[in-house]
Amino acid sequence: MAFKAYKLADLLRTAVGAPTSHRPTTAIIVAAGSSTRMGGEVSKQLLEVDGIPVLARTLLAHQMADTVDEIVLVARREDFDAYLALAKTYGITKLKRITTGGSSRQESVLRGFEAVSDKTEFVAISDGARCLVTPEMIDRVNLTAWKHDAACAAAPVTDTVKLVNEKHYTQRNSPDRERVWLAQTPQTFALPLYRAAAYHAKENGYTATDDAALVEAIGRRVKLVDCGKENLKITTQDDLYFAKAILQRRADEQKKDGDKA
């Protein structure tokens, strides 16, 4: 298994044209939200998808990613014990630190950023609730960032996108969907670049819904990596059903591949 993983990493490096030398990378996994849109008292990170908690699936993917050296988890203080127990149960040995979140996602990421190892050269920022991410997706984004300094998992839209006014009437022009992508995580950046972007935003009171926008705000471009529509984020109850269906399809495909071997 380990041999296959390293061979896959070599193939991914070749595909993205990234350097073959390893760049120390810390995954900052943000799981500090209140889960209010799930409508329950239990954190959505602890809800199970096909028998495994949401956060456990996210942690496992980063644990198995060849390009991730350590994990910093950002969480609510009241969830620390539950998340540490989760990490122990599922053998998440790359989890090195857990820190409290802030009043916003942007502040939570910054707190995680301040807790990374001194040896870190790149940070890969991920949503704890994006539990269908795979090690291969993570490696593709990180390897792309190693080459371009900034990379973001994303998926091109397939529907026509409409711009509307405050009363939901359409504006004159629809964006060309060939140029419209949906941002996902991980979003990976060279450490000095993210530091400059994060503190520029903090000093200027700039807020954004994702980290790529912080980097764009200081005039840098972010390379998008197509990770498909399956890399969804658990936000509502419906997402749990979608996630289970995707996992079942993946299992069926894996079984077919095994039968052919």
C-alpha atoms as a PDB file:
ATOM      1  CA  MET A   1       0.000   0.000   0.000  1.00  0.00           C
ATOM      2  CA  ALA A   2       2.773   2.452   0.939  1.00  0.00           C
ATOM      3  CA  PHE A   3       4.585   1.696  -2.344  1.00  0.00           C
ATOM      4  CA  LYS A   4       1.421   2.383  -4.336  1.00  0.00           C
ATOM      5  CA  ALA A   5       0.889   5.660  -2.445  1.00  0.00           C
ATOM      6  CA  TYR A   6       4.385   6.917  -3.252  1.00  0.00           C
ATOM      7  CA  LYS A   7       4.055   5.864  -6.891  1.00  0.00           C
ATOM      8  CA  LEU A   8       0.776   7.773  -7.064  1.00  0.00           C
ATOM      9  CA  ALA A   9       2.448  10.828  -5.565  1.00  0.00           C
ATOM     10  CA  ASP A  10       5.167  10.630  -8.218  1.00  0.00           C
ATOM     11  CA  LEU A  11       2.526  10.473 -10.963  1.00  0.00           C
ATOM     12  CA  LEU A  12       0.699  13.478  -9.489  1.00  0.00           C
ATOM     13  CA  ARG A  13       3.929  15.466  -9.349  1.00  0.00           C
ATOM     14  CA  THR A  14       4.523  14.720 -13.004  1.00  0.00           C
ATOM     15  CA  ALA A  15       0.941  15.666 -13.917  1.00  0.00           C
ATOM     16  CA  VAL A  16       1.032  19.088 -12.253  1.00  0.00           C
ATOM     17  CA  GLY A  17       4.658  19.772 -13.107  1.00  0.00           C
ATOM     18  CA  ALA A  18       5.527  20.359  -9.470  1.00  0.00           C
ATOM     19  CA  PRO A  19       9.016  19.914  -8.025  1.00  0.00           C
ATOM     20  CA  THR A  20       9.701  16.416  -6.735  1.00  0.00           C
ATOM     21  CA  SER A  21      11.407  17.666  -3.559  1.00  0.00           C
ATOM     22  CA  HIS A  22       9.130  17.623  -0.552  1.00  0.00           C
ATOM     23  CA  ARG A  23       7.954  20.934   0.907  1.00  0.00           C
ATOM     24  CA  PRO A  24       6.950  20.778   4.594  1.00  0.00           C
ATOM     25  CA  THR A  25       3.195  21.377   4.645  1.00  0.00           C
ATOM     26  CA  THR A  26       0.796  21.830   7.539  1.00  0.00           C
ATOM     27  CA  ALA A  27      -2.921  21.206   7.115  1.00  0.00           C
ATOM     28  CA  ILE A  28      -5.037  23.688   9.065  1.00  0.00           C
ATOM     29  CA  ILE A  29      -8.435  22.054   9.509  1.00  0.00           C
ATOM     30  CA  VAL A  30     -11.147  24.450  10.628  1.00  0.00           C
ATOM     31  CA  ALA A  31     -13.906  22.873  12.729  1.00  0.00           C
ATOM     32  CA  ALA A  32     -14.887  25.760  14.984  1.00  0.00           C
ATOM     33  CA  GLY A  33     -18.347  26.563  13.595  1.00  0.00           C
ATOM     34  CA  SER A  34     -21.550  26.440  15.615  1.00  0.00           C
ATOM     35  CA  SER A  35     -23.392  24.111  13.170  1.00  0.00           C
ATOM     36  CA  THR A  36     -26.562  26.200  13.459  1.00  0.00           C
ATOM     37  CA  ARG A  37     -27.729  25.342   9.928  1.00  0.00           C
ATOM     38  CA  MET A  38     -27.837  21.636  10.840  1.00  0.00           C
ATOM     39  CA  GLY A  39     -30.608  22.380  13.335  1.00  0.00           C
ATOM     40  CA  GLY A  40     -29.224  20.225  16.140  1.00  0.00           C
ATOM     41  CA  GLU A  41     -27.285  20.554  19.381  1.00  0.00           C
ATOM     42  CA  VAL A  42     -24.550  18.108  18.341  1.00  0.00           C
ATOM     43  CA  SER A  43     -21.696  19.533  16.273  1.00  0.00           C
ATOM     44  CA  LYS A  44     -22.023  18.532  12.627  1.00  0.00           C
ATOM     45  CA  GLN A  45     -18.408  17.411  12.803  1.00  0.00           C
ATOM     46  CA  LEU A  46     -19.531  14.501  15.012  1.00  0.00           C
ATOM     47  CA  LEU A  47     -22.472  13.454  12.866  1.00  0.00           C
ATOM     48  CA  GLU A  48     -21.830  10.152  11.111  1.00  0.00           C
ATOM     49  CA  VAL A  49     -21.742   9.602   7.376  1.00  0.00           C
ATOM     50  CA  ASP A  50     -21.963   5.891   6.629  1.00  0.00           C
ATOM     51  CA  GLY A  51     -20.810   5.019  10.147  1.00  0.00           C
ATOM     52  CA  ILE A  52     -17.842   7.403  10.436  1.00  0.00           C
ATOM     53  CA  PRO A  53     -18.005  10.938  11.919  1.00  0.00           C
ATOM     54  CA  VAL A  54     -17.662  13.836   9.483  1.00  0.00           C
ATOM     55  CA  LEU A  55     -14.481  15.213  11.051  1.00  0.00           C
ATOM     56  CA  ALA A  56     -12.911  11.750  11.266  1.00  0.00           C
ATOM     57  CA  ARG A  57     -13.268  11.354   7.505  1.00  0.00           C
ATOM     58  CA  THR A  58     -11.635  14.734   6.894  1.00  0.00           C
ATOM     59  CA  LEU A  59      -8.783  13.955   9.275  1.00  0.00           C
ATOM     60  CA  LEU A  60      -8.239  10.511   7.744  1.00  0.00           C
ATOM     61  CA  ALA A  61      -7.895  11.969   4.247  1.00  0.00           C
ATOM     62  CA  HIS A  62      -5.208  14.386   5.457  1.00  0.00           C
ATOM     63  CA  GLN A  63      -3.539  11.631   7.482  1.00  0.00           C
ATOM     64  CA  MET A  64      -3.172   9.556   4.303  1.00  0.00           C
ATOM     65  CA  ALA A  65      -2.087  12.430   2.041  1.00  0.00           C
ATOM     66  CA  ASP A  66       1.627  12.137   1.213  1.00  0.00           C
ATOM     67  CA  THR A  67       2.042  15.917   0.982  1.00  0.00           C
ATOM     68  CA  VAL A  68       0.762  16.657   4.513  1.00  0.00           C
ATOM     69  CA  ASP A  69       3.306  16.542   7.348  1.00  0.00           C
ATOM     70  CA  GLU A  70       1.226  17.716  10.272  1.00  0.00           C
ATOM     71  CA  ILE A  71      -2.301  18.782  11.147  1.00  0.00           C
ATOM     72  CA  VAL A  72      -3.429  21.727  13.249  1.00  0.00           C
ATOM     73  CA  LEU A  73      -7.088  21.509  14.230  1.00  0.00           C
ATOM     74  CA  VAL A  74      -9.103  24.643  15.042  1.00  0.00           C
ATOM     75  CA  ALA A  75     -12.149  23.953  17.197  1.00  0.00           C
ATOM     76  CA  ARG A  76     -14.458  25.228  19.905  1.00  0.00           C
ATOM     77  CA  ARG A  77     -13.049  24.703  23.392  1.00  0.00           C
ATOM     78  CA  GLU A  78     -16.051  22.582  24.394  1.00  0.00           C
ATOM     79  CA  ASP A  79     -15.313  20.164  21.535  1.00  0.00           C
ATOM     80  CA  PHE A  80     -11.626  19.573  22.342  1.00  0.00           C
ATOM     81  CA  ASP A  81     -12.099  16.351  24.293  1.00  0.00           C
ATOM     82  CA  ALA A  82     -14.444  14.830  21.718  1.00  0.00           C
ATOM     83  CA  TYR A  83     -12.140  15.681  18.815  1.00  0.00           C
ATOM     84  CA  LEU A  84      -9.003  14.437  20.559  1.00  0.00           C
ATOM     85  CA  ALA A  85     -10.804  11.174  21.341  1.00  0.00           C
ATOM     86  CA  LEU A  86     -11.800  10.968  17.690  1.00  0.00           C
ATOM     87  CA  ALA A  87      -8.216  11.429  16.577  1.00  0.00           C
ATOM     88  CA  LYS A  88      -7.067   8.675  18.931  1.00  0.00           C
ATOM     89  CA  THR A  89      -9.776   6.264  17.772  1.00  0.00           C
ATOM     90  CA  TYR A  90      -8.933   6.714  14.094  1.00  0.00           C
ATOM     91  CA  GLY A  91      -5.147   6.868  14.463  1.00  0.00           C
ATOM     92  CA  ILE A  92      -4.607  10.474  13.376  1.00  0.00           C
ATOM     93  CA  THR A  93      -0.920  10.647  14.286  1.00  0.00           C
ATOM     94  CA  LYS A  94      -0.304  13.788  12.217  1.00  0.00           C
ATOM     95  CA  LEU A  95      -2.510  15.864  14.554  1.00  0.00           C
ATOM     96  CA  LYS A  96       0.044  17.904  16.495  1.00  0.00           C
ATOM     97  CA  ARG A  97      -1.942  20.788  17.914  1.00  0.00           C
ATOM     98  CA  ILE A  98      -5.519  21.850  18.586  1.00  0.00           C
ATOM     99  CA  THR A  99      -6.376  25.490  19.137  1.00  0.00           C
ATOM    100  CA  THR A 100      -9.522  27.502  19.774  1.00  0.00           C
ATOM    101  CA  GLY A 101     -11.376  29.242  16.979  1.00  0.00           C
ATOM    102  CA  GLY A 102     -12.239  32.913  16.774  1.00  0.00           C
ATOM    103  CA  SER A 103     -15.436  34.856  16.216  1.00  0.00           C
ATOM    104  CA  SER A 104     -15.284  34.260  12.444  1.00  0.00           C
ATOM    105  CA  ARG A 105     -13.858  31.635  10.114  1.00  0.00           C
ATOM    106  CA  GLN A 106     -11.197  34.104   8.996  1.00  0.00           C
ATOM    107  CA  GLU A 107     -10.065  34.663  12.583  1.00  0.00           C
ATOM    108  CA  SER A 108     -10.152  30.920  13.257  1.00  0.00           C
ATOM    109  CA  VAL A 109      -7.850  30.217  10.323  1.00  0.00           C
ATOM    110  CA  LEU A 110      -5.430  32.900  11.526  1.00  0.00           C
ATOM    111  CA  ARG A 111      -5.304  31.258  14.963  1.00  0.00           C
ATOM    112  CA  GLY A 112      -4.529  27.937  13.315  1.00  0.00           C
ATOM    113  CA  PHE A 113      -1.895  29.615  11.165  1.00  0.00           C
ATOM    114  CA  GLU A 114      -0.186  30.989  14.263  1.00  0.00           C
ATOM    115  CA  ALA A 115       0.076  27.435  15.653  1.00  0.00           C
ATOM    116  CA  VAL A 116       1.909  25.791  12.739  1.00  0.00           C
ATOM    117  CA  SER A 117       5.398  24.318  13.088  1.00  0.00           C
ATOM    118  CA  ASP A 118       8.475  26.495  12.584  1.00  0.00           C
ATOM    119  CA  LYS A 119       9.497  24.115   9.789  1.00  0.00           C
ATOM    120  CA  THR A 120       6.319  24.705   7.792  1.00  0.00           C
ATOM    121  CA  GLU A 121       6.730  26.117   4.282  1.00  0.00           C
ATOM    122  CA  PHE A 122       3.137  25.729   3.054  1.00  0.00           C
ATOM    123  CA  VAL A 123      -0.266  25.767   4.761  1.00  0.00           C
ATOM    124  CA  ALA A 124      -3.201  23.770   3.389  1.00  0.00           C
ATOM    125  CA  ILE A 125      -6.418  25.215   4.801  1.00  0.00           C
ATOM    126  CA  SER A 126      -9.420  22.889   4.847  1.00  0.00           C
ATOM    127  CA  ASP A 127     -12.995  22.872   6.126  1.00  0.00           C
ATOM    128  CA  GLY A 128     -13.512  20.167   8.732  1.00  0.00           C
ATOM    129  CA  ALA A 129     -16.942  19.492   7.248  1.00  0.00           C
ATOM    130  CA  ARG A 130     -15.630  18.815   3.725  1.00  0.00           C
ATOM    131  CA  CYS A 131     -15.446  15.113   4.533  1.00  0.00           C
ATOM    132  CA  LEU A 132     -15.499  13.631   1.021  1.00  0.00           C
ATOM    133  CA  VAL A 133     -12.111  15.080   0.159  1.00  0.00           C
ATOM    134  CA  THR A 134      -9.623  12.365  -0.758  1.00  0.00           C
ATOM    135  CA  PRO A 135      -5.862  12.074  -0.206  1.00  0.00           C
ATOM    136  CA  GLU A 136      -5.441  12.318  -3.977  1.00  0.00           C
ATOM    137  CA  MET A 137      -7.335  15.638  -4.102  1.00  0.00           C
ATOM    138  CA  ILE A 138      -5.246  17.025  -1.246  1.00  0.00           C
ATOM    139  CA  ASP A 139      -1.992  15.946  -2.897  1.00  0.00           C
ATOM    140  CA  ARG A 140      -2.999  17.462  -6.246  1.00  0.00           C
ATOM    141  CA  VAL A 141      -3.773  20.841  -4.655  1.00  0.00           C
ATOM    142  CA  ASN A 142      -0.635  20.848  -2.510  1.00  0.00           C
ATOM    143  CA  LEU A 143       1.648  19.840  -5.373  1.00  0.00           C
ATOM    144  CA  THR A 144       0.152  22.602  -7.506  1.00  0.00           C
ATOM    145  CA  ALA A 145       0.755  25.119  -4.715  1.00  0.00           C
ATOM    146  CA  TRP A 146       4.354  23.962  -4.372  1.00  0.00           C
ATOM    147  CA  LYS A 147       4.819  25.078  -7.977  1.00  0.00           C
ATOM    148  CA  HIS A 148       2.604  28.191  -8.098  1.00  0.00           C
ATOM    149  CA  ASP A 149       2.648  29.361  -4.429  1.00  0.00           C
ATOM    150  CA  ALA A 150      -1.164  29.363  -4.247  1.00  0.00           C
ATOM    151  CA  ALA A 151      -3.713  26.708  -5.233  1.00  0.00           C
ATOM    152  CA  CYS A 152      -7.360  26.045  -4.512  1.00  0.00           C
ATOM    153  CA  ALA A 153      -9.580  22.999  -4.948  1.00  0.00           C
ATOM    154  CA  ALA A 154     -12.554  23.930  -7.112  1.00  0.00           C
ATOM    155  CA  ALA A 155     -15.137  22.664  -9.569  1.00  0.00           C
ATOM    156  CA  PRO A 156     -16.367  24.289 -12.797  1.00  0.00           C
ATOM    157  CA  VAL A 157     -20.070  25.078 -12.831  1.00  0.00           C
ATOM    158  CA  THR A 158     -22.350  23.272 -15.263  1.00  0.00           C
ATOM    159  CA  ASP A 159     -25.461  25.437 -14.848  1.00  0.00           C
ATOM    160  CA  THR A 160     -25.950  28.954 -16.166  1.00  0.00           C
ATOM    161  CA  VAL A 161     -25.163  31.520 -13.465  1.00  0.00           C
ATOM    162  CA  LYS A 162     -27.399  34.576 -13.028  1.00  0.00           C
ATOM    163  CA  LEU A 163     -26.507  37.847 -11.337  1.00  0.00           C
ATOM    164  CA  VAL A 164     -29.459  39.465  -9.560  1.00  0.00           C
ATOM    165  CA  ASN A 165     -30.257  42.716  -7.780  1.00  0.00           C
ATOM    166  CA  GLU A 166     -31.546  43.042  -4.209  1.00  0.00           C
ATOM    167  CA  LYS A 167     -35.079  42.178  -5.388  1.00  0.00           C
ATOM    168  CA  HIS A 168     -33.909  39.035  -7.231  1.00  0.00           C
ATOM    169  CA  TYR A 169     -34.406  40.439 -10.716  1.00  0.00           C
ATOM    170  CA  THR A 170     -31.729  39.359 -13.168  1.00  0.00           C
ATOM    171  CA  GLN A 171     -29.063  41.802 -14.268  1.00  0.00           C
ATOM    172  CA  ARG A 172     -28.320  42.456 -17.923  1.00  0.00           C
ATOM    173  CA  ASN A 173     -25.484  39.972 -18.480  1.00  0.00           C
ATOM    174  CA  SER A 174     -24.976  36.420 -17.270  1.00  0.00           C
ATOM    175  CA  PRO A 175     -21.376  35.378 -16.569  1.00  0.00           C
ATOM    176  CA  ASP A 176     -19.784  33.026 -19.060  1.00  0.00           C
ATOM    177  CA  ARG A 177     -20.049  29.700 -17.231  1.00  0.00           C
ATOM    178  CA  GLU A 178     -16.820  28.551 -18.861  1.00  0.00           C
ATOM    179  CA  ARG A 179     -15.110  31.063 -16.583  1.00  0.00           C
ATOM    180  CA  VAL A 180     -17.104  30.380 -13.387  1.00  0.00           C
ATOM    181  CA  TRP A 181     -15.841  27.879 -10.812  1.00  0.00           C
ATOM    182  CA  LEU A 182     -16.985  26.966  -7.306  1.00  0.00           C
ATOM    183  CA  ALA A 183     -14.245  27.299  -4.700  1.00  0.00           C
ATOM    184  CA  GLN A 184     -13.653  24.398  -2.307  1.00  0.00           C
ATOM    185  CA  THR A 185     -10.924  23.355   0.114  1.00  0.00           C
ATOM    186  CA  PRO A 186      -8.097  22.602   0.575  1.00  0.00           C
ATOM    187  CA  GLN A 187      -6.651  25.977  -0.314  1.00  0.00           C
ATOM    188  CA  THR A 188      -2.872  25.860  -0.070  1.00  0.00           C
ATOM    189  CA  PHE A 189      -0.398  28.737   0.096  1.00  0.00           C
ATOM    190  CA  ALA A 190       3.289  29.379   0.609  1.00  0.00           C
ATOM    191  CA  LEU A 191       3.619  30.436   4.237  1.00  0.00           C
ATOM    192  CA  PRO A 192       5.046  33.948   3.599  1.00  0.00           C
ATOM    193  CA  LEU A 193       2.319  34.620   1.041  1.00  0.00           C
ATOM    194  CA  TYR A 194      -0.493  33.618   3.370  1.00  0.00           C
ATOM    195  CA  ARG A 195       1.053  35.564   6.248  1.00  0.00           C
ATOM    196  CA  ALA A 196       1.136  38.707   4.109  1.00  0.00           C
ATOM    197  CA  ALA A 197      -2.448  38.185   2.934  1.00  0.00           C
ATOM    198  CA  ALA A 198      -3.893  37.365   6.370  1.00  0.00           C
ATOM    199  CA  TYR A 199      -2.281  40.297   8.174  1.00  0.00           C
ATOM    200  CA  HIS A 200      -3.061  42.699   5.346  1.00  0.00           C
ATOM    201  CA  ALA A 201      -6.725  41.735   5.749  1.00  0.00           C
ATOM    202  CA  LYS A 202      -6.549  42.075   9.539  1.00  0.00           C
ATOM    203  CA  GLU A 203      -4.911  45.489   9.437  1.00  0.00           C
ATOM    204  CA  ASN A 204      -7.317  46.821   6.815  1.00  0.00           C
ATOM    205  CA  GLY A 205     -10.536  45.311   8.163  1.00  0.00           C
ATOM    206  CA  TYR A 206     -11.025  43.241   5.027  1.00  0.00           C
ATOM    207  CA  THR A 207     -13.174  40.117   5.320  1.00  0.00           C
ATOM    208  CA  ALA A 208     -13.740  37.339   2.823  1.00  0.00           C
ATOM    209  CA  THR A 209     -15.559  34.021   2.697  1.00  0.00           C
ATOM    210  CA  ASP A 210     -12.469  32.053   1.732  1.00  0.00           C
ATOM    211  CA  ASP A 211      -8.694  32.311   2.009  1.00  0.00           C
ATOM    212  CA  ALA A 212      -8.036  32.551  -1.706  1.00  0.00           C
ATOM    213  CA  ALA A 213      -9.823  35.909  -1.684  1.00  0.00           C
ATOM    214  CA  LEU A 214      -7.365  37.206   0.932  1.00  0.00           C
ATOM    215  CA  VAL A 215      -4.482  36.331  -1.366  1.00  0.00           C
ATOM    216  CA  GLU A 216      -6.262  37.863  -4.362  1.00  0.00           C
ATOM    217  CA  ALA A 217      -6.729  41.062  -2.328  1.00  0.00           C
ATOM    218  CA  ILE A 218      -2.965  41.642  -2.264  1.00  0.00           C
ATOM    219  CA  GLY A 219      -2.708  41.196  -6.015  1.00  0.00           C
ATOM    220  CA  ARG A 220      -1.703  37.524  -6.255  1.00  0.00           C
ATOM    221  CA  ARG A 221      -3.403  34.914  -8.404  1.00  0.00           C
ATOM    222  CA  VAL A 222      -4.517  31.485  -7.204  1.00  0.00           C
ATOM    223  CA  LYS A 223      -4.271  28.380  -9.408  1.00  0.00           C
ATOM    224  CA  LEU A 224      -7.508  26.360  -9.404  1.00  0.00           C
ATOM    225  CA  VAL A 225      -7.412  22.564  -9.313  1.00  0.00           C
ATOM    226  CA  ASP A 226     -10.470  20.689 -10.560  1.00  0.00           C
ATOM    227  CA  CYS A 227     -11.527  18.330  -7.747  1.00  0.00           C
ATOM    228  CA  GLY A 228     -15.026  17.688  -9.077  1.00  0.00           C
ATOM    229  CA  LYS A 229     -18.442  18.052  -7.492  1.00  0.00           C
ATOM    230  CA  GLU A 230     -17.988  15.215  -5.005  1.00  0.00           C
ATOM    231  CA  ASN A 231     -15.816  17.372  -2.735  1.00  0.00           C
ATOM    232  CA  LEU A 232     -18.901  18.784  -1.024  1.00  0.00           C
ATOM    233  CA  LYS A 233     -19.168  20.425   2.383  1.00  0.00           C
ATOM    234  CA  ILE A 234     -21.645  19.157   4.968  1.00  0.00           C
ATOM    235  CA  THR A 235     -23.829  22.166   5.711  1.00  0.00           C
ATOM    236  CA  THR A 236     -27.434  20.908   5.867  1.00  0.00           C
ATOM    237  CA  GLN A 237     -29.167  17.613   6.619  1.00  0.00           C
ATOM    238  CA  ASP A 238     -29.585  16.979   2.894  1.00  0.00           C
ATOM    239  CA  ASP A 239     -25.807  16.989   2.471  1.00  0.00           C
ATOM    240  CA  LEU A 240     -25.559  13.935   4.738  1.00  0.00           C
ATOM    241  CA  TYR A 241     -27.730  11.951   2.312  1.00  0.00           C
ATOM    242  CA  PHE A 242     -25.762  13.176  -0.714  1.00  0.00           C
ATOM    243  CA  ALA A 243     -22.492  12.267   0.998  1.00  0.00           C
ATOM    244  CA  LYS A 244     -23.680   8.761   1.844  1.00  0.00           C
ATOM    245  CA  ALA A 245     -24.740   8.185  -1.757  1.00  0.00           C
ATOM    246  CA  ILE A 246     -21.351   9.327  -3.054  1.00  0.00           C
ATOM    247  CA  LEU A 247     -19.533   7.057  -0.610  1.00  0.00           C
ATOM    248  CA  GLN A 248     -21.691   4.121  -1.656  1.00  0.00           C
ATOM    249  CA  ARG A 249     -20.892   4.755  -5.313  1.00  0.00           C
ATOM    250  CA  ARG A 250     -17.178   4.952  -4.529  1.00  0.00           C
ATOM    251  CA  ALA A 251     -17.400   1.645  -2.645  1.00  0.00           C
ATOM    252  CA  ASP A 252     -19.208   0.008  -5.561  1.00  0.00           C
ATOM    253  CA  GLU A 253     -16.564   1.219  -8.008  1.00  0.00           C
ATOM    254  CA  GLN A 254     -13.768  -0.001  -5.738  1.00  0.00           C
ATOM    255  CA  LYS A 255     -15.423  -3.422  -5.512  1.00  0.00           C
ATOM    256  CA  LYS A 256     -15.715  -3.615  -9.308  1.00  0.00           C
ATOM    257  CA  ASP A 257     -12.043  -2.716  -9.681  1.00  0.00           C
ATOM    258  CA  GLY A 258     -11.176  -5.400  -7.135  1.00  0.00           C
ATOM    259  CA  ASP A 259     -13.192  -7.996  -9.002  1.00  0.00           C
ATOM    260  CA  LYS A 260     -11.362  -7.152 -12.237  1.00  0.00           C
ATOM    261  CA  ALA A 261      -7.911  -7.454 -10.646  1.00  0.00           C
END
